[in-house]
Amino acid sequence: MTAIQRSNLLVRSSNSAIIKSMTQNKLILLPRPAARGRFSLEETIAKRRSVRTFSRGQLSPVEVGQLLWAAQGVTAKPGNFYFRSAPSAGALYPMEIYTVTESGLHRYLPEKHALELMMERDLRNDLSIASLGQEPVREAGLDIVICAAYERPYSRYGERGKSYVDMEAGHIAQNVHLQAVALGLGSVPIGAFDDVQVGKILGLPDGQYPLYIVPVGHVG
């Protein structure tokens, strides 16, 4: 599916500890994210590079939790409202974050800072095939898939809502890339994939679409 076809369609419509905990409970609370890192913001920006070769080692719960907090984590809670780590037009937060690891497919729950087990199977090979055979997707310890539900912003902003959602995906991805640097990990942006196949692999519900894949792992 081409970018234009996707646009038209959209407008119209971890490691063993994680494996064990999720198998038993279906939900695991992630470690509390750190408020300070090893590098300054300026250093992380300067150090960021696209890394395409990873070791096969899995990421720790601390690393996974920190990356997901950077993506969509709650940063403040005034009253009953939750602010997240990436800006969102109208604070509608139409994004869904999925993780693909050796332990399976999980969905990130920002308000709980937890992972919900969706499928207990390693989908990285399938995801790599759907991404035109790109090896970083297969080799990374963690694939973060940024998905969007366009209905909410589109109902408020009309066709402009699509642009707001696409921009939000970029905000989220950049946060992840910089957080990876701060953790001493590598990452690479992946935008070339078959939208329909990725949606099927993840079992996305109607109205949700994959926009961005970010493989993250230990540098090989």
N, C-alpha and C. Protein backbone atom coordinates (compact mmCIF):
# COMPACT_ATOMS: atom_id res chain seq x y z
N MET A 1 0.85 -1.19 0.00
CA MET A 1 0.00 0.00 0.00
C MET A 1 0.88 1.24 0.00
N THR A 2 0.64 2.14 -0.93
CA THR A 2 1.42 3.36 -1.03
C THR A 2 1.01 4.35 0.05
N ALA A 3 1.86 5.38 0.23
CA ALA A 3 1.54 6.41 1.23
C ALA A 3 0.25 7.13 0.88
N ILE A 4 0.04 7.37 -0.43
CA ILE A 4 -1.19 8.06 -0.84
C ILE A 4 -2.40 7.19 -0.58
N GLN A 5 -2.29 5.89 -0.91
CA GLN A 5 -3.41 4.98 -0.65
C GLN A 5 -3.69 4.90 0.83
N ARG A 6 -2.64 4.85 1.63
CA ARG A 6 -2.82 4.78 3.07
C ARG A 6 -3.51 6.04 3.58
N SER A 7 -3.06 7.18 3.07
CA SER A 7 -3.67 8.44 3.49
C SER A 7 -5.15 8.48 3.18
N ASN A 8 -5.52 8.06 1.98
CA ASN A 8 -6.93 8.06 1.61
C ASN A 8 -7.73 7.10 2.47
N LEU A 9 -7.15 5.93 2.71
CA LEU A 9 -7.83 4.93 3.53
C LEU A 9 -8.04 5.45 4.95
N LEU A 10 -7.00 6.09 5.50
CA LEU A 10 -7.07 6.55 6.88
C LEU A 10 -8.08 7.68 7.04
N VAL A 11 -8.11 8.56 6.06
CA VAL A 11 -9.05 9.68 6.16
C VAL A 11 -10.47 9.18 6.05
N ARG A 12 -10.65 8.13 5.24
CA ARG A 12 -12.01 7.60 5.09
C ARG A 12 -12.37 6.79 6.33
N SER A 13 -11.78 6.34 6.77
CA SER A 13 -12.20 5.50 7.85
C SER A 13 -11.90 5.98 9.30
N SER A 14 10.92 -9.07 25.86
CA SER A 14 11.69 -8.54 26.98
C SER A 14 12.37 -9.65 27.72
N ASN A 15 12.52 -9.52 28.53
CA ASN A 15 13.38 -10.65 28.94
C ASN A 15 12.58 -11.69 29.73
N SER A 16 13.26 -12.70 30.29
CA SER A 16 12.57 -13.83 30.92
C SER A 16 11.67 -13.39 32.07
N ALA A 17 12.07 -12.36 32.81
CA ALA A 17 11.23 -11.88 33.91
C ALA A 17 9.90 -11.38 33.38
N ILE A 18 9.97 -10.70 32.27
CA ILE A 18 8.74 -10.21 31.66
C ILE A 18 7.90 -11.38 31.17
N ILE A 19 8.57 -12.36 30.54
CA ILE A 19 7.85 -13.52 30.01
C ILE A 19 7.08 -14.22 31.12
N LYS A 20 7.76 -14.49 32.23
CA LYS A 20 7.13 -15.24 33.32
C LYS A 20 5.96 -14.46 33.92
N SER A 21 6.18 -13.18 34.20
CA SER A 21 5.14 -12.38 34.83
C SER A 21 3.91 -12.25 33.95
N MET A 22 4.12 -12.06 32.66
CA MET A 22 2.98 -11.84 31.78
C MET A 22 2.22 -13.13 31.53
N THR A 23 2.93 -14.24 31.51
CA THR A 23 2.25 -15.51 31.33
C THR A 23 1.32 -15.77 32.50
N GLN A 24 1.72 -15.38 33.70
CA GLN A 24 0.92 -15.65 34.88
C GLN A 24 -0.21 -14.63 35.07
N ASN A 25 0.07 -13.36 34.80
CA ASN A 25 -0.85 -12.30 35.18
C ASN A 25 -1.49 -11.56 34.01
N LYS A 26 -0.98 -11.73 32.80
CA LYS A 26 -1.44 -11.01 31.61
C LYS A 26 -1.10 -9.53 31.66
N LEU A 27 -0.69 -9.03 32.81
CA LEU A 27 -0.38 -7.61 32.97
C LEU A 27 0.81 -7.49 33.90
N ILE A 28 1.76 -6.62 33.54
CA ILE A 28 2.89 -6.41 34.43
C ILE A 28 3.15 -4.91 34.57
N LEU A 29 3.32 -4.48 35.81
CA LEU A 29 3.69 -3.09 36.06
C LEU A 29 5.17 -2.93 35.79
N LEU A 30 5.52 -1.93 35.00
CA LEU A 30 6.91 -1.69 34.66
C LEU A 30 7.59 -0.89 35.76
N PRO A 31 8.92 -1.00 35.87
CA PRO A 31 9.64 -0.22 36.87
C PRO A 31 9.42 1.28 36.69
N ARG A 32 9.43 1.98 37.79
CA ARG A 32 9.23 3.43 37.74
C ARG A 32 10.33 4.08 36.90
N PRO A 33 9.97 4.95 35.95
CA PRO A 33 10.99 5.55 35.08
C PRO A 33 11.89 6.52 35.83
N ALA A 34 13.13 6.59 35.38
CA ALA A 34 14.09 7.51 35.97
C ALA A 34 13.83 8.92 35.48
N ALA A 35 14.11 9.89 36.34
CA ALA A 35 13.91 11.30 35.98
C ALA A 35 15.19 11.94 35.45
N ARG A 36 16.33 11.25 35.63
CA ARG A 36 17.60 11.76 35.15
C ARG A 36 18.36 10.65 34.44
N GLY A 37 19.10 11.04 33.39
CA GLY A 37 19.85 10.07 32.62
C GLY A 37 21.35 10.31 32.70
N ARG A 38 22.09 9.53 31.95
CA ARG A 38 23.55 9.60 32.00
C ARG A 38 24.10 10.73 31.13
N PHE A 39 23.31 11.22 30.16
CA PHE A 39 23.75 12.28 29.27
C PHE A 39 22.80 13.47 29.35
N SER A 40 23.30 14.64 29.00
CA SER A 40 22.44 15.81 28.87
C SER A 40 21.62 15.67 27.59
N LEU A 41 20.57 16.48 27.47
CA LEU A 41 19.76 16.46 26.25
C LEU A 41 20.62 16.76 25.04
N GLU A 42 21.51 17.75 25.17
CA GLU A 42 22.37 18.11 24.04
C GLU A 42 23.27 16.96 23.63
N GLU A 43 23.77 16.21 24.61
CA GLU A 43 24.63 15.07 24.30
C GLU A 43 23.85 13.96 23.60
N THR A 44 22.63 13.70 24.05
CA THR A 44 21.85 12.63 23.41
C THR A 44 21.51 12.99 21.97
N ILE A 45 21.21 14.27 21.72
CA ILE A 45 20.94 14.69 20.34
C ILE A 45 22.17 14.50 19.47
N ALA A 46 23.33 14.88 20.00
CA ALA A 46 24.57 14.77 19.23
C ALA A 46 24.98 13.32 18.99
N LYS A 47 24.65 12.43 19.93
CA LYS A 47 25.06 11.03 19.82
C LYS A 47 24.09 10.18 19.01
N ARG A 48 22.88 10.67 18.76
CA ARG A 48 21.89 9.83 18.08
C ARG A 48 22.32 9.47 16.66
N ARG A 49 22.30 8.18 16.38
CA ARG A 49 22.58 7.64 15.05
C ARG A 49 21.62 6.50 14.78
N SER A 50 21.36 6.22 13.52
CA SER A 50 20.56 5.05 13.17
C SER A 50 21.44 3.81 13.26
N VAL A 51 21.04 2.87 14.10
CA VAL A 51 21.80 1.64 14.32
C VAL A 51 21.02 0.49 13.71
N ARG A 52 21.67 -0.28 12.85
CA ARG A 52 20.97 -1.35 12.13
C ARG A 52 21.47 -2.75 12.47
N THR A 53 22.45 -2.84 13.36
CA THR A 53 22.98 -4.14 13.75
C THR A 53 22.87 -4.27 15.27
N PHE A 54 22.19 -5.31 15.71
CA PHE A 54 21.96 -5.52 17.13
C PHE A 54 22.44 -6.90 17.56
N SER A 55 22.80 -7.02 18.84
CA SER A 55 23.03 -8.34 19.41
C SER A 55 21.68 -8.96 19.70
N ARG A 56 21.65 -10.25 19.99
CA ARG A 56 20.38 -10.94 20.22
C ARG A 56 19.89 -10.82 21.65
N GLY A 57 20.62 -10.11 22.48
CA GLY A 57 20.22 -9.99 23.88
C GLY A 57 18.92 -9.24 24.06
N GLN A 58 18.14 -9.66 25.06
CA GLN A 58 16.86 -9.01 25.36
C GLN A 58 17.08 -7.78 26.24
N LEU A 59 16.16 -6.87 26.19
CA LEU A 59 16.22 -5.69 27.03
C LEU A 59 15.65 -6.00 28.42
N SER A 60 16.14 -5.30 29.41
CA SER A 60 15.65 -5.50 30.78
C SER A 60 14.31 -4.80 30.97
N PRO A 61 13.55 -5.17 32.01
CA PRO A 61 12.31 -4.45 32.31
C PRO A 61 12.53 -2.96 32.54
N VAL A 62 13.66 -2.60 33.15
CA VAL A 62 13.97 -1.19 33.37
C VAL A 62 14.12 -0.46 32.04
N GLU A 63 14.84 -1.07 31.11
CA GLU A 63 15.05 -0.44 29.80
C GLU A 63 13.75 -0.33 29.02
N VAL A 64 12.97 -1.41 29.03
CA VAL A 64 11.68 -1.39 28.32
C VAL A 64 10.77 -0.32 28.90
N GLY A 65 10.69 -0.28 30.22
CA GLY A 65 9.83 0.70 30.88
C GLY A 65 10.24 2.13 30.59
N GLN A 66 11.55 2.38 30.58
CA GLN A 66 12.04 3.74 30.33
C GLN A 66 11.73 4.17 28.90
N LEU A 67 11.91 3.26 27.94
CA LEU A 67 11.62 3.57 26.54
C LEU A 67 10.14 3.86 26.32
N LEU A 68 9.30 3.06 26.94
CA LEU A 68 7.86 3.26 26.76
C LEU A 68 7.37 4.52 27.47
N TRP A 69 7.97 4.83 28.61
CA TRP A 69 7.64 6.10 29.26
C TRP A 69 8.01 7.27 28.36
N ALA A 70 9.17 7.20 27.71
CA ALA A 70 9.58 8.26 26.79
C ALA A 70 8.62 8.38 25.62
N ALA A 71 8.05 7.25 25.21
CA ALA A 71 7.14 7.24 24.07
C ALA A 71 5.79 7.87 24.41
N GLN A 72 5.16 7.40 25.49
CA GLN A 72 3.80 7.84 25.81
C GLN A 72 3.51 7.86 27.30
N GLY A 73 4.56 7.87 28.11
CA GLY A 73 4.35 7.80 29.55
C GLY A 73 3.69 9.04 30.13
N VAL A 74 3.08 8.87 31.28
CA VAL A 74 2.43 9.97 31.98
C VAL A 74 3.50 10.81 32.68
N THR A 75 3.46 12.12 32.45
CA THR A 75 4.44 13.03 33.05
C THR A 75 3.84 13.93 34.13
N ALA A 76 2.53 14.04 34.15
CA ALA A 76 1.85 14.84 35.18
C ALA A 76 0.38 14.44 35.21
N LYS A 77 -0.25 14.63 36.37
CA LYS A 77 -1.66 14.27 36.52
C LYS A 77 -2.39 15.36 37.30
N PRO A 78 -2.73 16.46 36.62
CA PRO A 78 -3.53 17.50 37.28
C PRO A 78 -5.00 17.10 37.33
N GLY A 79 -5.48 16.78 38.50
CA GLY A 79 -6.86 16.31 38.63
C GLY A 79 -7.03 14.94 38.02
N ASN A 80 -8.03 14.80 37.17
CA ASN A 80 -8.28 13.52 36.52
C ASN A 80 -7.68 13.44 35.12
N PHE A 81 -6.83 14.39 34.78
CA PHE A 81 -6.26 14.44 33.44
C PHE A 81 -4.81 13.98 33.48
N TYR A 82 -4.38 13.29 32.42
CA TYR A 82 -3.02 12.78 32.33
C TYR A 82 -2.27 13.48 31.20
N PHE A 83 -1.14 14.11 31.53
CA PHE A 83 -0.25 14.62 30.50
C PHE A 83 0.74 13.52 30.13
N ARG A 84 1.08 13.45 28.84
CA ARG A 84 2.02 12.42 28.40
C ARG A 84 3.32 13.05 27.90
N SER A 85 4.28 12.19 27.62
CA SER A 85 5.63 12.65 27.29
C SER A 85 5.75 13.26 25.90
N ALA A 86 4.80 13.01 25.02
CA ALA A 86 4.82 13.59 23.67
C ALA A 86 3.58 14.45 23.47
N PRO A 87 3.71 15.59 22.78
CA PRO A 87 2.55 16.46 22.57
C PRO A 87 1.51 15.83 21.66
N SER A 88 0.25 16.20 21.89
CA SER A 88 -0.86 15.66 21.11
C SER A 88 -1.87 16.78 20.85
N ALA A 89 -2.27 16.95 19.60
CA ALA A 89 -3.22 18.01 19.25
C ALA A 89 -4.51 17.85 20.03
N GLY A 90 -4.89 18.89 20.76
CA GLY A 90 -6.11 18.83 21.55
C GLY A 90 -6.05 17.85 22.70
N ALA A 91 -4.83 17.36 23.02
CA ALA A 91 -4.66 16.35 24.08
C ALA A 91 -5.60 15.16 23.88
N LEU A 92 -5.77 14.75 22.62
CA LEU A 92 -6.65 13.62 22.31
C LEU A 92 -5.94 12.28 22.45
N TYR A 93 -4.64 12.26 22.34
CA TYR A 93 -3.83 11.05 22.49
C TYR A 93 -4.40 9.86 21.72
N PRO A 94 -4.38 9.92 20.39
CA PRO A 94 -4.95 8.85 19.58
C PRO A 94 -4.00 7.70 19.29
N MET A 95 -2.83 7.69 19.94
CA MET A 95 -1.82 6.70 19.61
C MET A 95 -1.89 5.47 20.51
N GLU A 96 -1.55 4.33 19.93
CA GLU A 96 -1.41 3.08 20.68
C GLU A 96 0.00 2.56 20.43
N ILE A 97 0.66 2.13 21.50
CA ILE A 97 2.03 1.65 21.40
C ILE A 97 2.06 0.15 21.69
N TYR A 98 2.62 -0.61 20.75
CA TYR A 98 2.75 -2.05 20.91
C TYR A 98 4.23 -2.42 20.94
N THR A 99 4.55 -3.47 21.69
CA THR A 99 5.91 -3.97 21.72
C THR A 99 5.94 -5.40 21.20
N VAL A 100 6.96 -5.70 20.42
CA VAL A 100 7.16 -7.05 19.90
C VAL A 100 8.53 -7.51 20.38
N THR A 101 8.55 -8.58 21.16
CA THR A 101 9.77 -9.11 21.73
C THR A 101 9.75 -10.63 21.64
N GLU A 102 10.81 -11.23 22.16
CA GLU A 102 10.87 -12.68 22.22
C GLU A 102 9.69 -13.25 23.00
N SER A 103 9.21 -12.51 24.00
CA SER A 103 8.13 -13.01 24.85
C SER A 103 6.75 -12.84 24.23
N GLY A 104 6.65 -12.07 23.15
CA GLY A 104 5.36 -11.94 22.50
C GLY A 104 4.99 -10.51 22.17
N LEU A 105 3.70 -10.30 21.97
CA LEU A 105 3.14 -9.00 21.62
C LEU A 105 2.45 -8.41 22.84
N HIS A 106 2.78 -7.15 23.13
CA HIS A 106 2.19 -6.48 24.28
C HIS A 106 1.74 -5.08 23.91
N ARG A 107 0.75 -4.59 24.63
CA ARG A 107 0.26 -3.22 24.45
C ARG A 107 0.61 -2.40 25.68
N TYR A 108 1.12 -1.20 25.44
CA TYR A 108 1.51 -0.33 26.55
C TYR A 108 0.29 0.43 27.07
N LEU A 109 0.14 0.42 28.39
CA LEU A 109 -0.95 1.13 29.06
C LEU A 109 -0.34 2.30 29.82
N PRO A 110 -0.35 3.51 29.24
CA PRO A 110 0.36 4.64 29.86
C PRO A 110 -0.08 4.97 31.27
N GLU A 111 -1.38 4.98 31.54
CA GLU A 111 -1.87 5.39 32.85
C GLU A 111 -1.47 4.42 33.95
N LYS A 112 -1.24 3.17 33.59
CA LYS A 112 -0.80 2.17 34.55
C LYS A 112 0.71 1.96 34.49
N HIS A 113 1.36 2.51 33.46
CA HIS A 113 2.76 2.23 33.15
C HIS A 113 2.98 0.72 33.21
N ALA A 114 2.21 0.03 32.39
CA ALA A 114 2.20 -1.43 32.40
C ALA A 114 2.10 -1.97 30.99
N LEU A 115 2.43 -3.24 30.84
CA LEU A 115 2.30 -3.94 29.57
C LEU A 115 1.21 -4.99 29.69
N GLU A 116 0.37 -5.04 28.68
CA GLU A 116 -0.71 -6.02 28.61
C GLU A 116 -0.37 -7.05 27.54
N LEU A 117 -0.39 -8.31 27.91
CA LEU A 117 -0.09 -9.38 26.95
C LEU A 117 -1.22 -9.51 25.94
N MET A 118 -0.86 -9.43 24.66
CA MET A 118 -1.83 -9.59 23.59
C MET A 118 -1.68 -10.93 22.87
N MET A 119 -0.43 -11.38 22.75
CA MET A 119 -0.16 -12.64 22.07
C MET A 119 1.18 -13.20 22.56
N GLU A 120 1.18 -14.44 23.00
CA GLU A 120 2.39 -15.05 23.55
C GLU A 120 3.15 -15.79 22.44
N ARG A 121 3.75 -15.01 21.55
CA ARG A 121 4.50 -15.58 20.43
C ARG A 121 5.48 -14.54 19.92
N ASP A 122 6.68 -14.98 19.56
CA ASP A 122 7.68 -14.07 19.01
C ASP A 122 7.32 -13.74 17.56
N LEU A 123 6.94 -12.51 17.31
CA LEU A 123 6.47 -12.08 15.99
C LEU A 123 7.53 -11.29 15.22
N ARG A 124 8.74 -11.24 15.72
CA ARG A 124 9.75 -10.39 15.09
C ARG A 124 10.07 -10.83 13.66
N ASN A 125 10.13 -12.13 13.42
CA ASN A 125 10.41 -12.60 12.06
C ASN A 125 9.27 -12.21 11.12
N ASP A 126 8.04 -12.41 11.56
CA ASP A 126 6.88 -12.03 10.74
C ASP A 126 6.89 -10.53 10.47
N LEU A 127 7.21 -9.76 11.51
CA LEU A 127 7.23 -8.31 11.36
C LEU A 127 8.34 -7.87 10.40
N SER A 128 9.47 -8.57 10.45
CA SER A 128 10.57 -8.27 9.54
C SER A 128 10.17 -8.54 8.09
N ILE A 129 9.50 -9.65 7.85
CA ILE A 129 9.05 -9.97 6.49
C ILE A 129 8.09 -8.90 5.99
N ALA A 130 7.17 -8.47 6.85
CA ALA A 130 6.22 -7.42 6.47
C ALA A 130 6.91 -6.08 6.28
N SER A 131 8.13 -5.95 6.82
CA SER A 131 8.92 -4.72 6.68
C SER A 131 9.95 -4.87 5.56
N LEU A 132 9.57 -5.61 4.54
CA LEU A 132 10.41 -5.80 3.35
C LEU A 132 11.72 -6.50 3.68
N GLY A 133 11.69 -7.37 4.69
CA GLY A 133 12.85 -8.16 5.04
C GLY A 133 13.94 -7.42 5.78
N GLN A 134 13.64 -6.30 6.38
CA GLN A 134 14.67 -5.52 7.07
C GLN A 134 15.14 -6.24 8.33
N GLU A 135 16.44 -6.51 8.38
CA GLU A 135 17.01 -7.30 9.46
C GLU A 135 16.94 -6.65 10.83
N PRO A 136 17.06 -5.33 10.96
CA PRO A 136 16.97 -4.75 12.31
C PRO A 136 15.68 -5.11 13.03
N VAL A 137 14.59 -5.26 12.28
CA VAL A 137 13.30 -5.61 12.90
C VAL A 137 13.37 -7.01 13.48
N ARG A 138 14.09 -7.90 12.82
CA ARG A 138 14.22 -9.28 13.28
C ARG A 138 15.21 -9.41 14.43
N GLU A 139 16.28 -8.63 14.38
CA GLU A 139 17.39 -8.80 15.32
C GLU A 139 17.23 -8.01 16.62
N ALA A 140 16.49 -6.93 16.60
CA ALA A 140 16.39 -6.08 17.79
C ALA A 140 15.73 -6.81 18.95
N GLY A 141 16.16 -6.51 20.15
CA GLY A 141 15.52 -7.11 21.31
C GLY A 141 14.09 -6.64 21.50
N LEU A 142 13.80 -5.45 20.99
CA LEU A 142 12.48 -4.84 21.15
C LEU A 142 12.11 -4.07 19.90
N ASP A 143 10.93 -4.36 19.36
CA ASP A 143 10.36 -3.55 18.29
C ASP A 143 9.18 -2.78 18.87
N ILE A 144 9.27 -1.46 18.82
CA ILE A 144 8.16 -0.62 19.24
C ILE A 144 7.37 -0.23 18.01
N VAL A 145 6.08 -0.54 18.00
CA VAL A 145 5.23 -0.22 16.86
C VAL A 145 4.25 0.87 17.28
N ILE A 146 4.34 2.00 16.61
CA ILE A 146 3.48 3.15 16.91
C ILE A 146 2.28 3.09 15.98
N CYS A 147 1.10 3.00 16.56
CA CYS A 147 -0.14 2.90 15.79
C CYS A 147 -1.06 4.06 16.14
N ALA A 148 -2.01 4.31 15.26
CA ALA A 148 -2.90 5.46 15.46
C ALA A 148 -4.35 5.11 15.18
N ALA A 149 -5.23 5.74 15.95
CA ALA A 149 -6.67 5.72 15.69
C ALA A 149 -7.05 7.12 15.23
N TYR A 150 -7.29 7.28 13.94
CA TYR A 150 -7.48 8.61 13.35
C TYR A 150 -8.84 9.22 13.65
N GLU A 151 -9.78 8.43 14.11
CA GLU A 151 -11.15 8.91 14.24
C GLU A 151 -11.27 10.09 15.19
N ARG A 152 -10.58 10.01 16.34
CA ARG A 152 -10.72 11.07 17.34
C ARG A 152 -10.28 12.45 16.81
N PRO A 153 -9.05 12.58 16.32
CA PRO A 153 -8.65 13.90 15.80
C PRO A 153 -9.39 14.29 14.53
N TYR A 154 -9.75 13.30 13.71
CA TYR A 154 -10.45 13.64 12.47
C TYR A 154 -11.85 14.19 12.77
N SER A 155 -12.49 13.65 13.81
CA SER A 155 -13.83 14.13 14.15
C SER A 155 -13.80 15.57 14.66
N ARG A 156 -12.67 15.99 15.24
CA ARG A 156 -12.57 17.36 15.75
C ARG A 156 -11.98 18.32 14.71
N TYR A 157 -10.96 17.85 13.99
CA TYR A 157 -10.22 18.75 13.12
C TYR A 157 -10.43 18.51 11.62
N GLY A 158 -11.25 17.54 11.27
CA GLY A 158 -11.45 17.25 9.86
C GLY A 158 -10.19 16.65 9.25
N GLU A 159 -9.95 16.93 7.97
CA GLU A 159 -8.81 16.34 7.28
C GLU A 159 -7.48 16.75 7.92
N ARG A 160 -7.46 17.92 8.54
CA ARG A 160 -6.23 18.36 9.19
C ARG A 160 -5.83 17.42 10.33
N GLY A 161 -6.80 16.71 10.88
CA GLY A 161 -6.52 15.78 11.96
C GLY A 161 -5.52 14.71 11.59
N LYS A 162 -5.53 14.29 10.33
CA LYS A 162 -4.57 13.28 9.89
C LYS A 162 -3.14 13.79 10.02
N SER A 163 -2.92 15.04 9.62
CA SER A 163 -1.58 15.62 9.73
C SER A 163 -1.14 15.70 11.19
N TYR A 164 -2.07 16.04 12.07
CA TYR A 164 -1.72 16.12 13.49
C TYR A 164 -1.29 14.75 14.03
N VAL A 165 -1.98 13.70 13.61
CA VAL A 165 -1.63 12.36 14.07
C VAL A 165 -0.26 11.95 13.54
N ASP A 166 -0.01 12.21 12.27
CA ASP A 166 1.29 11.85 11.69
C ASP A 166 2.42 12.59 12.38
N MET A 167 2.20 13.86 12.70
CA MET A 167 3.22 14.62 13.44
C MET A 167 3.45 14.01 14.82
N GLU A 168 2.37 13.59 15.45
CA GLU A 168 2.49 13.01 16.79
C GLU A 168 3.32 11.73 16.78
N ALA A 169 3.17 10.94 15.73
CA ALA A 169 3.99 9.73 15.61
C ALA A 169 5.46 10.10 15.56
N GLY A 170 5.79 11.18 14.86
CA GLY A 170 7.17 11.64 14.81
C GLY A 170 7.68 12.11 16.15
N HIS A 171 6.83 12.82 16.91
CA HIS A 171 7.23 13.25 18.26
C HIS A 171 7.59 12.04 19.12
N ILE A 172 6.73 11.04 19.07
CA ILE A 172 6.93 9.84 19.88
C ILE A 172 8.21 9.12 19.49
N ALA A 173 8.40 8.94 18.19
CA ALA A 173 9.57 8.21 17.72
C ALA A 173 10.86 8.92 18.12
N GLN A 174 10.89 10.23 17.99
CA GLN A 174 12.11 10.95 18.37
C GLN A 174 12.39 10.80 19.86
N ASN A 175 11.37 10.83 20.68
CA ASN A 175 11.57 10.58 22.11
C ASN A 175 12.22 9.22 22.35
N VAL A 176 11.72 8.21 21.62
CA VAL A 176 12.27 6.85 21.78
C VAL A 176 13.73 6.81 21.35
N HIS A 177 14.05 7.41 20.21
CA HIS A 177 15.43 7.40 19.74
C HIS A 177 16.37 8.07 20.74
N LEU A 178 15.96 9.19 21.29
CA LEU A 178 16.81 9.89 22.25
C LEU A 178 16.92 9.12 23.57
N GLN A 179 15.82 8.50 23.99
CA GLN A 179 15.88 7.69 25.21
C GLN A 179 16.79 6.49 25.03
N ALA A 180 16.77 5.90 23.84
CA ALA A 180 17.66 4.77 23.56
C ALA A 180 19.12 5.19 23.72
N VAL A 181 19.47 6.36 23.20
CA VAL A 181 20.83 6.86 23.35
C VAL A 181 21.18 7.01 24.83
N ALA A 182 20.26 7.59 25.60
CA ALA A 182 20.50 7.81 27.02
C ALA A 182 20.70 6.51 27.79
N LEU A 183 20.14 5.42 27.27
CA LEU A 183 20.28 4.11 27.91
C LEU A 183 21.46 3.31 27.37
N GLY A 184 22.20 3.89 26.42
CA GLY A 184 23.31 3.17 25.82
C GLY A 184 22.88 2.13 24.82
N LEU A 185 21.68 2.29 24.26
CA LEU A 185 21.13 1.35 23.28
C LEU A 185 21.14 1.97 21.89
N GLY A 186 20.87 1.14 20.89
CA GLY A 186 20.76 1.62 19.52
C GLY A 186 19.33 1.52 19.04
N SER A 187 18.98 2.34 18.06
CA SER A 187 17.64 2.30 17.47
C SER A 187 17.71 2.77 16.03
N VAL A 188 16.66 2.45 15.28
CA VAL A 188 16.59 2.88 13.89
C VAL A 188 15.13 3.11 13.51
N PRO A 189 14.82 4.18 12.77
CA PRO A 189 13.44 4.39 12.33
C PRO A 189 13.11 3.52 11.12
N ILE A 190 11.97 2.87 11.16
CA ILE A 190 11.51 2.03 10.05
C ILE A 190 10.16 2.54 9.58
N GLY A 191 10.10 2.96 8.32
CA GLY A 191 8.85 3.43 7.76
C GLY A 191 8.39 2.63 6.56
N ALA A 192 9.28 1.77 6.05
CA ALA A 192 8.95 0.96 4.87
C ALA A 192 8.40 -0.39 5.32
N PHE A 193 7.09 -0.55 5.25
CA PHE A 193 6.46 -1.82 5.58
C PHE A 193 5.09 -1.87 4.94
N ASP A 194 4.55 -3.08 4.89
CA ASP A 194 3.21 -3.29 4.35
C ASP A 194 2.21 -3.04 5.47
N ASP A 195 1.48 -1.95 5.36
CA ASP A 195 0.55 -1.55 6.43
C ASP A 195 -0.45 -2.65 6.77
N VAL A 196 -1.01 -3.25 5.74
CA VAL A 196 -2.05 -4.26 5.94
C VAL A 196 -1.48 -5.48 6.64
N GLN A 197 -0.30 -5.93 6.20
CA GLN A 197 0.31 -7.11 6.80
C GLN A 197 0.70 -6.86 8.25
N VAL A 198 1.26 -5.70 8.53
CA VAL A 198 1.62 -5.38 9.92
C VAL A 198 0.37 -5.35 10.79
N GLY A 199 -0.69 -4.77 10.27
CA GLY A 199 -1.94 -4.75 11.02
C GLY A 199 -2.46 -6.14 11.34
N LYS A 200 -2.34 -7.05 10.37
CA LYS A 200 -2.78 -8.43 10.59
C LYS A 200 -1.90 -9.14 11.60
N ILE A 201 -0.60 -8.94 11.50
CA ILE A 201 0.33 -9.59 12.42
C ILE A 201 0.05 -9.16 13.87
N LEU A 202 -0.21 -7.88 14.05
CA LEU A 202 -0.47 -7.36 15.40
C LEU A 202 -1.91 -7.59 15.85
N GLY A 203 -2.77 -7.99 14.91
CA GLY A 203 -4.18 -8.16 15.26
C GLY A 203 -4.85 -6.85 15.61
N LEU A 204 -4.51 -5.79 14.89
CA LEU A 204 -5.05 -4.47 15.22
C LEU A 204 -6.56 -4.43 14.99
N PRO A 205 -7.28 -3.77 15.87
CA PRO A 205 -8.73 -3.63 15.68
C PRO A 205 -9.03 -2.66 14.54
N ASP A 206 -10.24 -2.71 14.04
CA ASP A 206 -10.66 -1.78 12.99
C ASP A 206 -10.46 -0.34 13.46
N GLY A 207 -9.94 0.47 12.56
CA GLY A 207 -9.73 1.88 12.90
C GLY A 207 -8.37 2.20 13.46
N GLN A 208 -7.52 1.18 13.66
CA GLN A 208 -6.15 1.40 14.12
C GLN A 208 -5.19 1.05 12.99
N TYR A 209 -4.16 1.88 12.81
CA TYR A 209 -3.24 1.71 11.70
C TYR A 209 -1.79 1.88 12.16
N PRO A 210 -0.88 1.03 11.68
CA PRO A 210 0.53 1.17 12.04
C PRO A 210 1.18 2.30 11.25
N LEU A 211 1.97 3.12 11.94
CA LEU A 211 2.62 4.25 11.28
C LEU A 211 4.14 4.16 11.30
N TYR A 212 4.69 3.49 12.29
CA TYR A 212 6.13 3.62 12.54
C TYR A 212 6.59 2.41 13.34
N ILE A 213 7.73 1.86 12.97
CA ILE A 213 8.35 0.79 13.74
C ILE A 213 9.73 1.27 14.19
N VAL A 214 10.03 1.09 15.47
CA VAL A 214 11.33 1.49 16.00
C VAL A 214 11.99 0.27 16.65
N PRO A 215 12.90 -0.41 15.94
CA PRO A 215 13.67 -1.47 16.57
C PRO A 215 14.69 -0.86 17.55
N VAL A 216 14.77 -1.44 18.73
CA VAL A 216 15.71 -0.97 19.75
C VAL A 216 16.44 -2.17 20.32
N GLY A 217 17.74 -2.04 20.50
CA GLY A 217 18.47 -3.17 21.07
C GLY A 217 19.88 -2.79 21.47
N HIS A 218 20.58 -3.78 22.01
CA HIS A 218 21.99 -3.61 22.34
C HIS A 218 22.79 -3.61 21.04
N VAL A 219 23.71 -2.69 20.94
CA VAL A 219 24.46 -2.53 19.70
C VAL A 219 25.33 -3.76 19.46
N GLY A 220 25.22 -4.34 18.26
CA GLY A 220 25.96 -5.55 17.94
C GLY A 220 27.40 -5.26 17.54
